[in-house]
Amino acid sequence: MNYYNEIKNELINNEVYKKVKDYSKNKHDLQTYYNVGKLLIEAQGGEARAKYGNRLIKEYSKRLTNELGKGYTMSSLKRMRQFYLMIQKGAPLAHQLTWSHYQELITINDIVTINYYIKMCISHNLSKRKLREIIKNKEYERLPEYTKNKLINNEINEVQDLIKDPIIIKNKYNYENVSEKVLKQLILEDLDSFLLELGEGFTYISNEYKIKLGNRYNYIDLLLFNIKFNCYIVIELKVTELKSEHVGQIEKYMNYIDKNIKTIYQDKTIGIIICKKNNTFVIEYASDDRIFSKEYVL
């Protein structure tokens, strides 16, 4: 087989396809680069040999540039080769992602991590810039170990499984220490990022949500609803270490929502305490297993 001609034809056909079938060019791009990557591996004598020599890629790059024009550098051909290998290891060839998305993903070695980010791109329609941001923030690495095991075993997630720990709250003013009021304001100023830190299906309802307990009014820091899990989420913010009284406070708020707001068609309310420093013993001995605590970092 003349591998160079095969690669050249794949790339020429793709350029023609882009002009004629613009509506589906992304899908065709991905398939073309996958095919080119496969041919490069075969031309180099298989994956093992391809790792140690790039002379053939250098030669093909020079010839393609001379014959087809710009866009076929050694780096671009290497990325196509990496792309093919990534798909072979188990990553899906998802047409919802662009070639730019996959170029961010090929820098990651672990296939489970890659598949997590692909799933996030699809479910949240993430741009390349947003994907780069969550990779940089090590979103997958901040998941609990039990969640990672669920992802490996393709088990069904629960509402708390994809909450990151710690939760990153953007701090554009570079505050070193904040009050609960300021912490809440930082969250509200970049609410979309905060909701993504919590996981899937979270939607905003209100802040300082007013409820009446007996003769006194109380205010829930943030009230959310999770569409996927069909339940209300009470968020309490604490700029100190987690204390037992924080658990008692959020439990009262959750019970109020369940009694007065929740319908019979919705699941029981979940409580999340976001604190400066966690205390696992407080949560371990709490009477309500619907309450979770996570640390935040600015």
C-alpha atoms as a PDB file:
ATOM      1  CA  MET A   1       0.000   0.000   0.000  1.00  0.00           C
ATOM      2  CA  ASN A   2       1.191   3.510  -0.793  1.00  0.00           C
ATOM      3  CA  TYR A   3       0.435   5.083   2.601  1.00  0.00           C
ATOM      4  CA  TYR A   4       1.353   8.591   1.535  1.00  0.00           C
ATOM      5  CA  ASN A   5      -1.154   8.587  -1.318  1.00  0.00           C
ATOM      6  CA  GLU A   6      -3.849   7.148   0.949  1.00  0.00           C
ATOM      7  CA  ILE A   7      -3.245   9.907   3.514  1.00  0.00           C
ATOM      8  CA  LYS A   8      -3.155  12.582   0.809  1.00  0.00           C
ATOM      9  CA  ASN A   9      -6.459  11.348  -0.666  1.00  0.00           C
ATOM     10  CA  GLU A  10      -8.133  11.336   2.760  1.00  0.00           C
ATOM     11  CA  LEU A  11      -7.121  14.953   3.342  1.00  0.00           C
ATOM     12  CA  ILE A  12      -8.088  16.105  -0.166  1.00  0.00           C
ATOM     13  CA  ASN A  13     -11.500  14.432   0.114  1.00  0.00           C
ATOM     14  CA  ASN A  14     -12.040  16.106   3.453  1.00  0.00           C
ATOM     15  CA  GLU A  15     -11.301  19.565   2.029  1.00  0.00           C
ATOM     16  CA  VAL A  16     -13.772  18.924  -0.791  1.00  0.00           C
ATOM     17  CA  TYR A  17     -16.382  17.614   1.636  1.00  0.00           C
ATOM     18  CA  LYS A  18     -16.098  20.737   3.795  1.00  0.00           C
ATOM     19  CA  LYS A  19     -17.055  22.916   0.847  1.00  0.00           C
ATOM     20  CA  VAL A  20     -19.934  20.766  -0.372  1.00  0.00           C
ATOM     21  CA  LYS A  21     -21.362  19.420   2.928  1.00  0.00           C
ATOM     22  CA  ASP A  22     -20.687  22.217   5.373  1.00  0.00           C
ATOM     23  CA  TYR A  23     -23.464  21.187   7.793  1.00  0.00           C
ATOM     24  CA  SER A  24     -21.723  17.910   8.658  1.00  0.00           C
ATOM     25  CA  LYS A  25     -18.081  18.854   8.137  1.00  0.00           C
ATOM     26  CA  ASN A  26     -17.168  18.387  11.811  1.00  0.00           C
ATOM     27  CA  LYS A  27     -18.136  14.722  11.794  1.00  0.00           C
ATOM     28  CA  HIS A  28     -16.225  14.233   8.542  1.00  0.00           C
ATOM     29  CA  ASP A  29     -13.192  16.053   9.974  1.00  0.00           C
ATOM     30  CA  LEU A  30     -13.017  13.644  12.890  1.00  0.00           C
ATOM     31  CA  GLN A  31     -13.405  10.573  10.715  1.00  0.00           C
ATOM     32  CA  THR A  32     -10.721  11.842   8.324  1.00  0.00           C
ATOM     33  CA  TYR A  33      -8.202  12.561  11.089  1.00  0.00           C
ATOM     34  CA  TYR A  34      -8.938   9.157  12.623  1.00  0.00           C
ATOM     35  CA  ASN A  35      -8.277   7.485   9.259  1.00  0.00           C
ATOM     36  CA  VAL A  36      -5.080   9.486   8.735  1.00  0.00           C
ATOM     37  CA  GLY A  37      -3.882   8.578  12.226  1.00  0.00           C
ATOM     38  CA  LYS A  38      -4.536   4.900  11.497  1.00  0.00           C
ATOM     39  CA  LEU A  39      -2.610   5.077   8.230  1.00  0.00           C
ATOM     40  CA  LEU A  40       0.313   6.816   9.928  1.00  0.00           C
ATOM     41  CA  ILE A  41       0.522   4.062  12.542  1.00  0.00           C
ATOM     42  CA  GLU A  42       0.424   1.373   9.866  1.00  0.00           C
ATOM     43  CA  ALA A  43       2.992   3.211   7.723  1.00  0.00           C
ATOM     44  CA  GLN A  44       5.369   3.373  10.680  1.00  0.00           C
ATOM     45  CA  GLY A  45       5.052  -0.326  11.350  1.00  0.00           C
ATOM     46  CA  GLY A  46       2.564  -0.281  14.243  1.00  0.00           C
ATOM     47  CA  GLU A  47       2.138   1.586  17.522  1.00  0.00           C
ATOM     48  CA  ALA A  48       5.324   0.274  19.167  1.00  0.00           C
ATOM     49  CA  ARG A  49       7.584   1.490  16.359  1.00  0.00           C
ATOM     50  CA  ALA A  50       5.640   4.725  15.854  1.00  0.00           C
ATOM     51  CA  LYS A  51       6.594   5.888  19.340  1.00  0.00           C
ATOM     52  CA  TYR A  52      10.289   5.969  18.521  1.00  0.00           C
ATOM     53  CA  GLY A  53      10.553   7.476  15.079  1.00  0.00           C
ATOM     54  CA  ASN A  54       9.091  10.546  13.428  1.00  0.00           C
ATOM     55  CA  ARG A  55      11.145  10.632  10.227  1.00  0.00           C
ATOM     56  CA  LEU A  56       8.216   9.400   8.164  1.00  0.00           C
ATOM     57  CA  ILE A  57       5.908  12.049   9.603  1.00  0.00           C
ATOM     58  CA  LYS A  58       8.505  14.709   8.833  1.00  0.00           C
ATOM     59  CA  GLU A  59       8.705  13.495   5.233  1.00  0.00           C
ATOM     60  CA  TYR A  60       4.908  13.312   4.823  1.00  0.00           C
ATOM     61  CA  SER A  61       4.472  16.747   6.372  1.00  0.00           C
ATOM     62  CA  LYS A  62       6.903  18.328   3.928  1.00  0.00           C
ATOM     63  CA  ARG A  63       5.302  16.653   0.905  1.00  0.00           C
ATOM     64  CA  LEU A  64       1.723  17.442   1.982  1.00  0.00           C
ATOM     65  CA  THR A  65       2.607  21.089   2.629  1.00  0.00           C
ATOM     66  CA  ASN A  66       4.226  21.393  -0.797  1.00  0.00           C
ATOM     67  CA  GLU A  67       1.301  19.699  -2.579  1.00  0.00           C
ATOM     68  CA  LEU A  68      -1.732  20.794  -0.534  1.00  0.00           C
ATOM     69  CA  GLY A  69      -0.632  23.968   1.237  1.00  0.00           C
ATOM     70  CA  LYS A  70      -0.497  24.953   4.905  1.00  0.00           C
ATOM     71  CA  GLY A  71      -2.075  22.981   7.753  1.00  0.00           C
ATOM     72  CA  TYR A  72      -0.132  19.724   7.638  1.00  0.00           C
ATOM     73  CA  THR A  73       2.791  20.347   9.958  1.00  0.00           C
ATOM     74  CA  MET A  74       4.560  17.581  11.840  1.00  0.00           C
ATOM     75  CA  SER A  75       2.642  18.603  14.958  1.00  0.00           C
ATOM     76  CA  SER A  76      -0.753  18.315  13.238  1.00  0.00           C
ATOM     77  CA  LEU A  77       0.053  14.855  11.859  1.00  0.00           C
ATOM     78  CA  LYS A  78       1.294  13.726  15.269  1.00  0.00           C
ATOM     79  CA  ARG A  79      -1.985  14.887  16.800  1.00  0.00           C
ATOM     80  CA  MET A  80      -3.905  12.807  14.257  1.00  0.00           C
ATOM     81  CA  ARG A  81      -1.808   9.807  15.240  1.00  0.00           C
ATOM     82  CA  GLN A  82      -2.505  10.455  18.936  1.00  0.00           C
ATOM     83  CA  PHE A  83      -6.195  10.882  18.158  1.00  0.00           C
ATOM     84  CA  TYR A  84      -6.391   7.468  16.497  1.00  0.00           C
ATOM     85  CA  LEU A  85      -4.620   5.820  19.440  1.00  0.00           C
ATOM     86  CA  MET A  86      -6.947   7.522  21.936  1.00  0.00           C
ATOM     87  CA  ILE A  87     -10.032   6.206  20.119  1.00  0.00           C
ATOM     88  CA  GLN A  88      -8.484   2.751  19.961  1.00  0.00           C
ATOM     89  CA  LYS A  89      -8.040   2.792  23.742  1.00  0.00           C
ATOM     90  CA  GLY A  90     -11.763   3.344  24.263  1.00  0.00           C
ATOM     91  CA  ALA A  91     -12.643   7.013  23.817  1.00  0.00           C
ATOM     92  CA  PRO A  92     -15.814   7.556  21.760  1.00  0.00           C
ATOM     93  CA  LEU A  93     -15.678   9.276  18.383  1.00  0.00           C
ATOM     94  CA  ALA A  94     -18.347  11.788  19.411  1.00  0.00           C
ATOM     95  CA  HIS A  95     -19.557  14.127  16.674  1.00  0.00           C
ATOM     96  CA  GLN A  96     -20.769  16.582  19.354  1.00  0.00           C
ATOM     97  CA  LEU A  97     -17.098  17.428  19.930  1.00  0.00           C
ATOM     98  CA  THR A  98     -14.912  19.297  17.469  1.00  0.00           C
ATOM     99  CA  TRP A  99     -11.342  18.590  16.474  1.00  0.00           C
ATOM    100  CA  SER A 100     -10.363  21.455  18.788  1.00  0.00           C
ATOM    101  CA  HIS A 101     -11.952  19.598  21.727  1.00  0.00           C
ATOM    102  CA  TYR A 102     -10.049  16.424  20.919  1.00  0.00           C
ATOM    103  CA  GLN A 103      -6.775  18.314  20.656  1.00  0.00           C
ATOM    104  CA  GLU A 104      -7.258  19.299  24.312  1.00  0.00           C
ATOM    105  CA  LEU A 105      -8.039  15.710  25.286  1.00  0.00           C
ATOM    106  CA  ILE A 106      -5.098  13.965  23.594  1.00  0.00           C
ATOM    107  CA  THR A 107      -2.762  15.476  26.205  1.00  0.00           C
ATOM    108  CA  ILE A 108      -4.408  13.249  28.862  1.00  0.00           C
ATOM    109  CA  ASN A 109      -3.082   9.713  29.328  1.00  0.00           C
ATOM    110  CA  ASP A 110      -5.869   8.057  31.334  1.00  0.00           C
ATOM    111  CA  ILE A 111      -8.818   6.873  29.210  1.00  0.00           C
ATOM    112  CA  VAL A 112     -11.312   7.016  32.118  1.00  0.00           C
ATOM    113  CA  THR A 113     -10.410  10.672  32.661  1.00  0.00           C
ATOM    114  CA  ILE A 114     -10.767  11.379  28.943  1.00  0.00           C
ATOM    115  CA  ASN A 115     -14.200   9.748  28.823  1.00  0.00           C
ATOM    116  CA  TYR A 116     -15.345  11.800  31.810  1.00  0.00           C
ATOM    117  CA  TYR A 117     -14.434  15.057  30.043  1.00  0.00           C
ATOM    118  CA  ILE A 118     -16.098  13.885  26.812  1.00  0.00           C
ATOM    119  CA  LYS A 119     -19.279  13.149  28.779  1.00  0.00           C
ATOM    120  CA  MET A 120     -19.139  16.630  30.356  1.00  0.00           C
ATOM    121  CA  CYS A 121     -18.662  18.248  26.927  1.00  0.00           C
ATOM    122  CA  ILE A 122     -21.713  16.442  25.559  1.00  0.00           C
ATOM    123  CA  SER A 123     -24.011  16.912  28.560  1.00  0.00           C
ATOM    124  CA  HIS A 124     -23.102  20.592  29.116  1.00  0.00           C
ATOM    125  CA  ASN A 125     -22.292  21.590  25.514  1.00  0.00           C
ATOM    126  CA  LEU A 126     -18.890  22.862  26.618  1.00  0.00           C
ATOM    127  CA  SER A 127     -16.790  25.050  24.352  1.00  0.00           C
ATOM    128  CA  LYS A 128     -13.127  24.270  23.771  1.00  0.00           C
ATOM    129  CA  ARG A 129     -12.229  27.127  26.130  1.00  0.00           C
ATOM    130  CA  LYS A 130     -14.462  25.762  28.890  1.00  0.00           C
ATOM    131  CA  LEU A 131     -13.100  22.249  28.407  1.00  0.00           C
ATOM    132  CA  ARG A 132      -9.555  23.569  28.735  1.00  0.00           C
ATOM    133  CA  GLU A 133     -10.568  25.377  31.910  1.00  0.00           C
ATOM    134  CA  ILE A 134     -12.061  22.337  33.663  1.00  0.00           C
ATOM    135  CA  ILE A 135      -9.066  20.198  32.659  1.00  0.00           C
ATOM    136  CA  LYS A 136      -6.732  22.859  34.075  1.00  0.00           C
ATOM    137  CA  ASN A 137      -8.808  22.925  37.284  1.00  0.00           C
ATOM    138  CA  LYS A 138      -8.463  19.127  37.549  1.00  0.00           C
ATOM    139  CA  GLU A 139     -12.202  18.617  37.729  1.00  0.00           C
ATOM    140  CA  TYR A 140     -12.012  14.832  37.385  1.00  0.00           C
ATOM    141  CA  GLU A 141      -9.252  14.562  39.976  1.00  0.00           C
ATOM    142  CA  ARG A 142     -11.450  16.430  42.488  1.00  0.00           C
ATOM    143  CA  LEU A 143     -14.216  13.836  42.317  1.00  0.00           C
ATOM    144  CA  PRO A 144     -14.596  11.442  45.271  1.00  0.00           C
ATOM    145  CA  GLU A 145     -12.951   8.044  44.828  1.00  0.00           C
ATOM    146  CA  TYR A 146     -16.292   6.244  45.053  1.00  0.00           C
ATOM    147  CA  THR A 147     -17.538   8.348  42.130  1.00  0.00           C
ATOM    148  CA  LYS A 148     -14.491   7.451  40.042  1.00  0.00           C
ATOM    149  CA  ASN A 149     -15.183   3.772  40.739  1.00  0.00           C
ATOM    150  CA  LYS A 150     -18.784   4.253  39.634  1.00  0.00           C
ATOM    151  CA  LEU A 151     -17.616   5.844  36.397  1.00  0.00           C
ATOM    152  CA  ILE A 152     -15.228   2.950  35.727  1.00  0.00           C
ATOM    153  CA  ASN A 153     -17.991   0.395  36.373  1.00  0.00           C
ATOM    154  CA  ASN A 154     -20.650   2.411  34.485  1.00  0.00           C
ATOM    155  CA  GLU A 155     -22.841   2.580  37.588  1.00  0.00           C
ATOM    156  CA  ILE A 156     -25.687   5.062  37.975  1.00  0.00           C
ATOM    157  CA  ASN A 157     -24.714   8.318  39.716  1.00  0.00           C
ATOM    158  CA  GLU A 158     -26.608   9.933  42.563  1.00  0.00           C
ATOM    159  CA  VAL A 159     -27.077  13.669  43.065  1.00  0.00           C
ATOM    160  CA  GLN A 160     -24.023  14.049  45.329  1.00  0.00           C
ATOM    161  CA  ASP A 161     -21.604  11.935  43.282  1.00  0.00           C
ATOM    162  CA  LEU A 162     -20.329  14.605  40.886  1.00  0.00           C
ATOM    163  CA  ILE A 163     -19.867  17.386  43.460  1.00  0.00           C
ATOM    164  CA  LYS A 164     -16.216  18.375  43.343  1.00  0.00           C
ATOM    165  CA  ASP A 165     -14.081  18.452  46.485  1.00  0.00           C
ATOM    166  CA  PRO A 166     -12.831  21.032  46.940  1.00  0.00           C
ATOM    167  CA  ILE A 167     -15.290  23.278  45.103  1.00  0.00           C
ATOM    168  CA  ILE A 168     -13.458  26.037  43.217  1.00  0.00           C
ATOM    169  CA  ILE A 169     -15.077  29.464  43.546  1.00  0.00           C
ATOM    170  CA  LYS A 170     -13.698  32.109  41.192  1.00  0.00           C
ATOM    171  CA  ASN A 171     -12.122  34.986  43.075  1.00  0.00           C
ATOM    172  CA  LYS A 172     -11.586  37.774  40.547  1.00  0.00           C
ATOM    173  CA  TYR A 173     -10.938  40.308  43.323  1.00  0.00           C
ATOM    174  CA  ASN A 174      -8.144  38.195  44.858  1.00  0.00           C
ATOM    175  CA  TYR A 175      -9.653  38.191  48.345  1.00  0.00           C
ATOM    176  CA  GLU A 176      -7.641  36.246  50.901  1.00  0.00           C
ATOM    177  CA  ASN A 177     -10.421  35.970  53.464  1.00  0.00           C
ATOM    178  CA  VAL A 178     -14.121  36.489  52.847  1.00  0.00           C
ATOM    179  CA  SER A 179     -17.350  36.733  54.809  1.00  0.00           C
ATOM    180  CA  GLU A 180     -20.309  34.496  53.997  1.00  0.00           C
ATOM    181  CA  LYS A 181     -21.942  37.446  52.261  1.00  0.00           C
ATOM    182  CA  VAL A 182     -18.911  38.035  50.024  1.00  0.00           C
ATOM    183  CA  LEU A 183     -18.545  34.303  49.335  1.00  0.00           C
ATOM    184  CA  LYS A 184     -22.139  34.195  48.184  1.00  0.00           C
ATOM    185  CA  GLN A 185     -21.608  37.230  45.966  1.00  0.00           C
ATOM    186  CA  LEU A 186     -18.596  35.591  44.300  1.00  0.00           C
ATOM    187  CA  ILE A 187     -20.738  32.542  43.571  1.00  0.00           C
ATOM    188  CA  LEU A 188     -23.592  34.597  42.129  1.00  0.00           C
ATOM    189  CA  GLU A 189     -21.235  36.583  39.900  1.00  0.00           C
ATOM    190  CA  ASP A 190     -20.201  33.361  38.146  1.00  0.00           C
ATOM    191  CA  LEU A 191     -23.183  31.135  38.820  1.00  0.00           C
ATOM    192  CA  ASP A 192     -22.749  28.917  35.756  1.00  0.00           C
ATOM    193  CA  SER A 193     -19.266  27.819  36.847  1.00  0.00           C
ATOM    194  CA  PHE A 194     -20.492  27.163  40.377  1.00  0.00           C
ATOM    195  CA  LEU A 195     -23.357  24.965  39.155  1.00  0.00           C
ATOM    196  CA  LEU A 196     -20.915  22.956  37.039  1.00  0.00           C
ATOM    197  CA  GLU A 197     -18.778  22.431  40.139  1.00  0.00           C
ATOM    198  CA  LEU A 198     -21.803  20.762  41.753  1.00  0.00           C
ATOM    199  CA  GLY A 199     -22.382  18.355  38.862  1.00  0.00           C
ATOM    200  CA  GLU A 200     -25.293  17.656  36.543  1.00  0.00           C
ATOM    201  CA  GLY A 201     -28.793  19.075  36.442  1.00  0.00           C
ATOM    202  CA  PHE A 202     -28.462  21.891  38.995  1.00  0.00           C
ATOM    203  CA  THR A 203     -30.573  25.001  38.411  1.00  0.00           C
ATOM    204  CA  TYR A 204     -30.778  28.224  40.415  1.00  0.00           C
ATOM    205  CA  ILE A 205     -33.938  29.264  42.267  1.00  0.00           C
ATOM    206  CA  SER A 206     -32.972  31.978  44.751  1.00  0.00           C
ATOM    207  CA  ASN A 207     -30.482  33.317  47.267  1.00  0.00           C
ATOM    208  CA  GLU A 208     -31.473  34.468  50.747  1.00  0.00           C
ATOM    209  CA  TYR A 209     -34.610  32.359  50.302  1.00  0.00           C
ATOM    210  CA  LYS A 210     -37.000  33.510  53.029  1.00  0.00           C
ATOM    211  CA  ILE A 211     -38.750  30.942  55.246  1.00  0.00           C
ATOM    212  CA  LYS A 212     -40.622  31.271  58.526  1.00  0.00           C
ATOM    213  CA  LEU A 213     -39.839  28.910  61.409  1.00  0.00           C
ATOM    214  CA  GLY A 214     -42.244  29.641  64.243  1.00  0.00           C
ATOM    215  CA  ASN A 215     -42.234  33.383  64.816  1.00  0.00           C
ATOM    216  CA  ARG A 216     -38.854  33.990  63.204  1.00  0.00           C
ATOM    217  CA  TYR A 217     -37.802  34.426  59.615  1.00  0.00           C
ATOM    218  CA  ASN A 218     -34.747  32.504  58.370  1.00  0.00           C
ATOM    219  CA  TYR A 219     -32.856  32.828  55.105  1.00  0.00           C
ATOM    220  CA  ILE A 220     -31.459  29.929  53.082  1.00  0.00           C
ATOM    221  CA  ASP A 221     -28.157  30.985  51.496  1.00  0.00           C
ATOM    222  CA  LEU A 222     -28.910  29.342  48.144  1.00  0.00           C
ATOM    223  CA  LEU A 223     -31.892  27.303  47.043  1.00  0.00           C
ATOM    224  CA  LEU A 224     -31.393  25.172  43.931  1.00  0.00           C
ATOM    225  CA  PHE A 225     -33.321  22.481  42.132  1.00  0.00           C
ATOM    226  CA  ASN A 226     -31.852  19.459  40.395  1.00  0.00           C
ATOM    227  CA  ILE A 227     -33.755  18.612  37.234  1.00  0.00           C
ATOM    228  CA  LYS A 228     -32.079  15.255  36.701  1.00  0.00           C
ATOM    229  CA  PHE A 229     -32.762  13.987  40.221  1.00  0.00           C
ATOM    230  CA  ASN A 230     -36.042  15.887  40.712  1.00  0.00           C
ATOM    231  CA  CYS A 231     -35.277  17.373  44.116  1.00  0.00           C
ATOM    232  CA  TYR A 232     -34.589  20.677  45.864  1.00  0.00           C
ATOM    233  CA  ILE A 233     -31.050  21.450  47.040  1.00  0.00           C
ATOM    234  CA  VAL A 234     -30.405  23.622  50.094  1.00  0.00           C
ATOM    235  CA  ILE A 235     -26.933  25.213  50.109  1.00  0.00           C
ATOM    236  CA  GLU A 236     -25.434  26.714  53.253  1.00  0.00           C
ATOM    237  CA  LEU A 237     -22.145  28.629  53.125  1.00  0.00           C
ATOM    238  CA  LYS A 238     -19.701  28.614  56.026  1.00  0.00           C
ATOM    239  CA  VAL A 239     -16.352  30.404  56.067  1.00  0.00           C
ATOM    240  CA  THR A 240     -15.192  28.391  59.080  1.00  0.00           C
ATOM    241  CA  GLU A 241     -14.593  24.750  59.876  1.00  0.00           C
ATOM    242  CA  LEU A 242     -17.719  22.601  59.739  1.00  0.00           C
ATOM    243  CA  LYS A 243     -19.535  22.421  63.089  1.00  0.00           C
ATOM    244  CA  SER A 244     -22.354  20.217  64.361  1.00  0.00           C
ATOM    245  CA  GLU A 245     -24.701  23.202  64.653  1.00  0.00           C
ATOM    246  CA  HIS A 246     -24.320  23.794  60.917  1.00  0.00           C
ATOM    247  CA  VAL A 247     -25.783  20.342  60.307  1.00  0.00           C
ATOM    248  CA  GLY A 248     -28.721  21.067  62.611  1.00  0.00           C
ATOM    249  CA  GLN A 249     -29.355  24.358  60.834  1.00  0.00           C
ATOM    250  CA  ILE A 250     -29.441  22.945  57.311  1.00  0.00           C
ATOM    251  CA  GLU A 251     -31.535  19.982  58.440  1.00  0.00           C
ATOM    252  CA  LYS A 252     -34.245  22.378  59.653  1.00  0.00           C
ATOM    253  CA  TYR A 253     -34.205  24.168  56.307  1.00  0.00           C
ATOM    254  CA  MET A 254     -34.436  20.872  54.397  1.00  0.00           C
ATOM    255  CA  ASN A 255     -37.381  19.730  56.528  1.00  0.00           C
ATOM    256  CA  TYR A 256     -39.143  23.046  55.884  1.00  0.00           C
ATOM    257  CA  ILE A 257     -38.725  22.672  52.107  1.00  0.00           C
ATOM    258  CA  ASP A 258     -39.968  19.077  52.246  1.00  0.00           C
ATOM    259  CA  LYS A 259     -43.035  20.028  54.282  1.00  0.00           C
ATOM    260  CA  ASN A 260     -44.002  23.283  52.603  1.00  0.00           C
ATOM    261  CA  ILE A 261     -42.494  23.462  49.094  1.00  0.00           C
ATOM    262  CA  LYS A 262     -41.817  19.953  47.787  1.00  0.00           C
ATOM    263  CA  THR A 263     -44.629  18.143  45.977  1.00  0.00           C
ATOM    264  CA  ILE A 264     -45.442  14.448  46.298  1.00  0.00           C
ATOM    265  CA  TYR A 265     -43.915  13.931  42.851  1.00  0.00           C
ATOM    266  CA  GLN A 266     -40.489  15.175  43.921  1.00  0.00           C
ATOM    267  CA  ASP A 267     -37.766  13.410  45.888  1.00  0.00           C
ATOM    268  CA  LYS A 268     -36.629  14.532  49.327  1.00  0.00           C
ATOM    269  CA  THR A 269     -34.495  17.647  49.628  1.00  0.00           C
ATOM    270  CA  ILE A 270     -30.681  17.379  49.688  1.00  0.00           C
ATOM    271  CA  GLY A 271     -28.487  19.594  51.861  1.00  0.00           C
ATOM    272  CA  ILE A 272     -24.950  20.680  50.957  1.00  0.00           C
ATOM    273  CA  ILE A 273     -22.775  22.606  53.411  1.00  0.00           C
ATOM    274  CA  ILE A 274     -19.898  24.367  51.666  1.00  0.00           C
ATOM    275  CA  CYS A 275     -17.277  25.213  54.267  1.00  0.00           C
ATOM    276  CA  LYS A 276     -13.742  26.492  54.611  1.00  0.00           C
ATOM    277  CA  LYS A 277     -12.591  23.306  56.336  1.00  0.00           C
ATOM    278  CA  ASN A 278     -14.378  19.991  56.464  1.00  0.00           C
ATOM    279  CA  ASN A 279     -14.897  17.815  59.516  1.00  0.00           C
ATOM    280  CA  THR A 280     -15.679  14.274  58.462  1.00  0.00           C
ATOM    281  CA  PHE A 281     -16.685  13.213  61.990  1.00  0.00           C
ATOM    282  CA  VAL A 282     -19.518  15.744  62.086  1.00  0.00           C
ATOM    283  CA  ILE A 283     -21.042  14.341  58.890  1.00  0.00           C
ATOM    284  CA  GLU A 284     -20.275  10.731  59.815  1.00  0.00           C
ATOM    285  CA  TYR A 285     -22.382  10.967  62.968  1.00  0.00           C
ATOM    286  CA  ALA A 286     -25.120  13.193  61.528  1.00  0.00           C
ATOM    287  CA  SER A 287     -28.574  11.643  61.702  1.00  0.00           C
ATOM    288  CA  ASP A 288     -29.538  12.590  58.132  1.00  0.00           C
ATOM    289  CA  ASP A 289     -27.643  10.917  55.267  1.00  0.00           C
ATOM    290  CA  ARG A 290     -29.036  13.477  52.790  1.00  0.00           C
ATOM    291  CA  ILE A 291     -26.592  16.088  54.138  1.00  0.00           C
ATOM    292  CA  PHE A 292     -23.147  16.441  52.555  1.00  0.00           C
ATOM    293  CA  SER A 293     -20.258  18.770  53.226  1.00  0.00           C
ATOM    294  CA  LYS A 294     -17.588  20.003  50.813  1.00  0.00           C
ATOM    295  CA  GLU A 295     -14.686  22.398  51.201  1.00  0.00           C
ATOM    296  CA  TYR A 296     -14.264  25.440  48.980  1.00  0.00           C
ATOM    297  CA  VAL A 297     -11.151  27.154  47.687  1.00  0.00           C
ATOM    298  CA  LEU A 298     -10.972  30.636  46.194  1.00  0.00           C
END
